[in-house]
Structure formats: structure tokens, C-alpha cells
Amino acid sequence: MNDEGHNDDSASEGFLAPNARVVTLIGEIDEWAARKVTYSLYALSEDNVKPITLVINCDGGSVFEAHGMYDTIHTLRAAGHVVHGRVHGHAMSAAVLVLQACTTRTMTHNGLL
């Protein structure tokens, strides 16, 4: 565990479902979350054939870290990757910025933006 109480055993633990090609952004956007999501997106981008889904259920957080994730998604898209953004629950504040970087943006029936 690090000083913030996050587990550092794996660079993508809790954020990445590699076989499903899903990255999750759940909880507050902070430096730790941005690092994990960015790492996970780049790890999945090694296979340019299949799209990546970013599942968001987030209250927001650091706009600076959200900008970094936005830039990561934008860079991947410019390289030909498809990143689907999907809101499961809610996307608030800085999480909306991250969602807007995605190739497509969808929400569940009860989703809140």
C-alpha cells in the first residue's frame, strides 16, 4: 500500500479487464487514478485491431489529471485506436471532460451526466 492507501502491487489492478478490453474510471480522479487509467489504456493500445471501452462512474476530481487522461485518449485516437466511453452510474465534473475525448459516448438507461 502507498501513502494514499492504494495498492501498488500491479500497475493496472482494479482498472483493467484485459480480455474484455475494458478500463474503468470509478471514484475520484486524482493522480493515482489518472496514472492507472493512462497505463491501462496504453497497455491495451498495443493491439490496434480491437476497440477499448472506458467505463466511467465518477464524481469528478482533479481537472489537471482529467486533462492528462483526455490527452492520452486523444493521442490514441489520432493513432487510429477506437476508445468507447460508457457511463455506468454517473459522470460528473472532470469526468465529463474524459468522456468527451472518447470516440463514442453512451450511457446506461439510468446514467447521469
C-alpha atoms as a PDB file:
ATOM      1  CA  MET A   1       0.000   0.000   0.000  1.00  0.00           C
ATOM      2  CA  ASN A   2       1.175   3.516  -0.741  1.00  0.00           C
ATOM      3  CA  ASP A   3       0.702   6.630   1.419  1.00  0.00           C
ATOM      4  CA  GLU A   4      -2.775   7.237  -0.011  1.00  0.00           C
ATOM      5  CA  GLY A   5      -3.910   3.703   0.874  1.00  0.00           C
ATOM      6  CA  HIS A   6      -3.827   2.482  -2.743  1.00  0.00           C
ATOM      7  CA  ASN A   7      -2.407  -0.910  -3.633  1.00  0.00           C
ATOM      8  CA  ASP A   8       0.671  -0.600  -5.868  1.00  0.00           C
ATOM      9  CA  ASP A   9       1.138  -4.360  -6.461  1.00  0.00           C
ATOM     10  CA  SER A  10       0.038  -4.093 -10.091  1.00  0.00           C
ATOM     11  CA  ALA A  11       0.164  -1.132 -12.427  1.00  0.00           C
ATOM     12  CA  SER A  12      -3.395  -1.830 -13.555  1.00  0.00           C
ATOM     13  CA  GLU A  13      -5.038  -3.624 -10.622  1.00  0.00           C
ATOM     14  CA  GLY A  14      -8.712  -2.766 -10.346  1.00  0.00           C
ATOM     15  CA  PHE A  15      -8.752  -0.694 -13.522  1.00  0.00           C
ATOM     16  CA  LEU A  16      -8.160  -3.149 -16.328  1.00  0.00           C
ATOM     17  CA  ALA A  17     -10.066  -6.155 -17.629  1.00  0.00           C
ATOM     18  CA  PRO A  18      -7.637  -7.046 -20.438  1.00  0.00           C
ATOM     19  CA  ASN A  19      -9.610  -9.899 -22.011  1.00  0.00           C
ATOM     20  CA  ALA A  20     -12.717  -7.722 -22.251  1.00  0.00           C
ATOM     21  CA  ARG A  21     -10.596  -4.702 -23.308  1.00  0.00           C
ATOM     22  CA  VAL A  22     -12.258  -2.610 -20.591  1.00  0.00           C
ATOM     23  CA  VAL A  23     -10.673   0.108 -18.467  1.00  0.00           C
ATOM     24  CA  THR A  24     -12.642   1.535 -15.536  1.00  0.00           C
ATOM     25  CA  LEU A  25     -12.638   5.037 -14.105  1.00  0.00           C
ATOM     26  CA  ILE A  26     -14.516   4.670 -10.842  1.00  0.00           C
ATOM     27  CA  GLY A  27     -14.240   7.048  -7.933  1.00  0.00           C
ATOM     28  CA  GLU A  28     -12.415  10.347  -7.721  1.00  0.00           C
ATOM     29  CA  ILE A  29      -9.992  11.489 -10.405  1.00  0.00           C
ATOM     30  CA  ASP A  30      -6.667  12.003  -8.686  1.00  0.00           C
ATOM     31  CA  GLU A  31      -3.043  11.413  -9.654  1.00  0.00           C
ATOM     32  CA  TRP A  32      -3.263   7.723  -8.770  1.00  0.00           C
ATOM     33  CA  ALA A  33      -6.432   7.112 -10.809  1.00  0.00           C
ATOM     34  CA  ALA A  34      -5.054   9.037 -13.793  1.00  0.00           C
ATOM     35  CA  ARG A  35      -1.821   7.054 -13.710  1.00  0.00           C
ATOM     36  CA  LYS A  36      -3.660   3.720 -13.576  1.00  0.00           C
ATOM     37  CA  VAL A  37      -6.155   4.596 -16.329  1.00  0.00           C
ATOM     38  CA  THR A  38      -3.430   6.001 -18.593  1.00  0.00           C
ATOM     39  CA  TYR A  39      -1.237   2.936 -18.094  1.00  0.00           C
ATOM     40  CA  SER A  40      -4.189   0.624 -18.800  1.00  0.00           C
ATOM     41  CA  LEU A  41      -5.186   2.460 -21.973  1.00  0.00           C
ATOM     42  CA  TYR A  42      -1.638   2.315 -23.330  1.00  0.00           C
ATOM     43  CA  ALA A  43      -1.324  -1.369 -22.389  1.00  0.00           C
ATOM     44  CA  LEU A  44      -4.456  -2.196 -24.399  1.00  0.00           C
ATOM     45  CA  SER A  45      -3.397   0.009 -27.309  1.00  0.00           C
ATOM     46  CA  GLU A  46      -0.703  -2.494 -28.262  1.00  0.00           C
ATOM     47  CA  ASP A  47      -3.460  -4.314 -30.189  1.00  0.00           C
ATOM     48  CA  ASN A  48      -4.726  -1.715 -32.665  1.00  0.00           C
ATOM     49  CA  VAL A  49      -7.374  -4.018 -34.132  1.00  0.00           C
ATOM     50  CA  LYS A  50      -9.913  -4.102 -31.302  1.00  0.00           C
ATOM     51  CA  PRO A  51     -11.606  -1.120 -29.633  1.00  0.00           C
ATOM     52  CA  ILE A  52     -11.139  -0.249 -25.980  1.00  0.00           C
ATOM     53  CA  THR A  53     -14.066   0.569 -23.677  1.00  0.00           C
ATOM     54  CA  LEU A  54     -13.635   3.086 -20.875  1.00  0.00           C
ATOM     55  CA  VAL A  55     -16.351   2.577 -18.252  1.00  0.00           C
ATOM     56  CA  ILE A  56     -16.934   5.694 -16.145  1.00  0.00           C
ATOM     57  CA  ASN A  57     -18.709   6.002 -12.789  1.00  0.00           C
ATOM     58  CA  CYS A  58     -17.088   9.067 -11.320  1.00  0.00           C
ATOM     59  CA  ASP A  59     -17.886  12.210  -9.318  1.00  0.00           C
ATOM     60  CA  GLY A  60     -15.006  14.100 -10.943  1.00  0.00           C
ATOM     61  CA  GLY A  61     -11.886  15.346  -9.249  1.00  0.00           C
ATOM     62  CA  SER A  62      -8.706  16.972 -10.492  1.00  0.00           C
ATOM     63  CA  VAL A  63      -9.183  18.855 -13.747  1.00  0.00           C
ATOM     64  CA  PHE A  64      -5.420  18.675 -14.309  1.00  0.00           C
ATOM     65  CA  GLU A  65      -5.423  14.871 -14.132  1.00  0.00           C
ATOM     66  CA  ALA A  66      -8.566  14.740 -16.312  1.00  0.00           C
ATOM     67  CA  HIS A  67      -6.752  16.816 -18.937  1.00  0.00           C
ATOM     68  CA  GLY A  68      -3.952  14.256 -18.912  1.00  0.00           C
ATOM     69  CA  MET A  69      -6.411  11.398 -19.497  1.00  0.00           C
ATOM     70  CA  TYR A  70      -8.143  13.449 -22.215  1.00  0.00           C
ATOM     71  CA  ASP A  71      -4.776  13.939 -23.949  1.00  0.00           C
ATOM     72  CA  THR A  72      -3.996  10.219 -23.674  1.00  0.00           C
ATOM     73  CA  ILE A  73      -7.301   9.245 -25.297  1.00  0.00           C
ATOM     74  CA  HIS A  74      -6.905  11.932 -27.951  1.00  0.00           C
ATOM     75  CA  THR A  75      -3.386  10.663 -28.757  1.00  0.00           C
ATOM     76  CA  LEU A  76      -4.627   7.078 -29.045  1.00  0.00           C
ATOM     77  CA  ARG A  77      -7.463   8.159 -31.323  1.00  0.00           C
ATOM     78  CA  ALA A  78      -5.050  10.110 -33.530  1.00  0.00           C
ATOM     79  CA  ALA A  79      -3.028   6.895 -33.878  1.00  0.00           C
ATOM     80  CA  GLY A  80      -6.131   5.062 -35.133  1.00  0.00           C
ATOM     81  CA  HIS A  81      -7.436   3.496 -31.926  1.00  0.00           C
ATOM     82  CA  VAL A  82     -11.119   3.418 -31.044  1.00  0.00           C
ATOM     83  CA  VAL A  83     -12.000   4.240 -27.428  1.00  0.00           C
ATOM     84  CA  HIS A  84     -15.657   3.851 -26.470  1.00  0.00           C
ATOM     85  CA  GLY A  85     -16.735   5.862 -23.418  1.00  0.00           C
ATOM     86  CA  ARG A  86     -19.620   4.364 -21.440  1.00  0.00           C
ATOM     87  CA  VAL A  87     -21.184   5.911 -18.345  1.00  0.00           C
ATOM     88  CA  HIS A  88     -22.362   3.328 -15.812  1.00  0.00           C
ATOM     89  CA  GLY A  89     -23.890   5.317 -12.974  1.00  0.00           C
ATOM     90  CA  HIS A  90     -22.698   8.879 -13.388  1.00  0.00           C
ATOM     91  CA  ALA A  91     -20.027  11.124 -14.861  1.00  0.00           C
ATOM     92  CA  MET A  92     -19.686  14.464 -13.122  1.00  0.00           C
ATOM     93  CA  SER A  93     -17.412  17.471 -13.404  1.00  0.00           C
ATOM     94  CA  ALA A  94     -13.914  16.487 -14.610  1.00  0.00           C
ATOM     95  CA  ALA A  95     -15.153  13.007 -15.612  1.00  0.00           C
ATOM     96  CA  VAL A  96     -17.235  14.643 -18.359  1.00  0.00           C
ATOM     97  CA  LEU A  97     -14.029  16.002 -19.884  1.00  0.00           C
ATOM     98  CA  VAL A  98     -12.555  12.493 -20.024  1.00  0.00           C
ATOM     99  CA  LEU A  99     -15.759  11.150 -21.584  1.00  0.00           C
ATOM    100  CA  GLN A 100     -15.680  13.804 -24.303  1.00  0.00           C
ATOM    101  CA  ALA A 101     -12.301  12.562 -25.541  1.00  0.00           C
ATOM    102  CA  CYS A 102     -13.760   9.145 -26.427  1.00  0.00           C
ATOM    103  CA  THR A 103     -14.625   8.081 -29.967  1.00  0.00           C
ATOM    104  CA  THR A 104     -18.206   7.266 -28.949  1.00  0.00           C
ATOM    105  CA  ARG A 105     -20.079   8.208 -25.788  1.00  0.00           C
ATOM    106  CA  THR A 106     -23.004   6.239 -24.367  1.00  0.00           C
ATOM    107  CA  MET A 107     -24.805   5.912 -21.057  1.00  0.00           C
ATOM    108  CA  THR A 108     -26.858   3.264 -19.347  1.00  0.00           C
ATOM    109  CA  HIS A 109     -30.585   3.948 -19.077  1.00  0.00           C
ATOM    110  CA  ASN A 110     -30.191   5.272 -15.538  1.00  0.00           C
ATOM    111  CA  GLY A 111     -26.918   7.052 -16.199  1.00  0.00           C
ATOM    112  CA  LEU A 112     -26.428  10.622 -15.073  1.00  0.00           C
ATOM    113  CA  LEU A 113     -24.221  13.177 -16.791  1.00  0.00           C
END
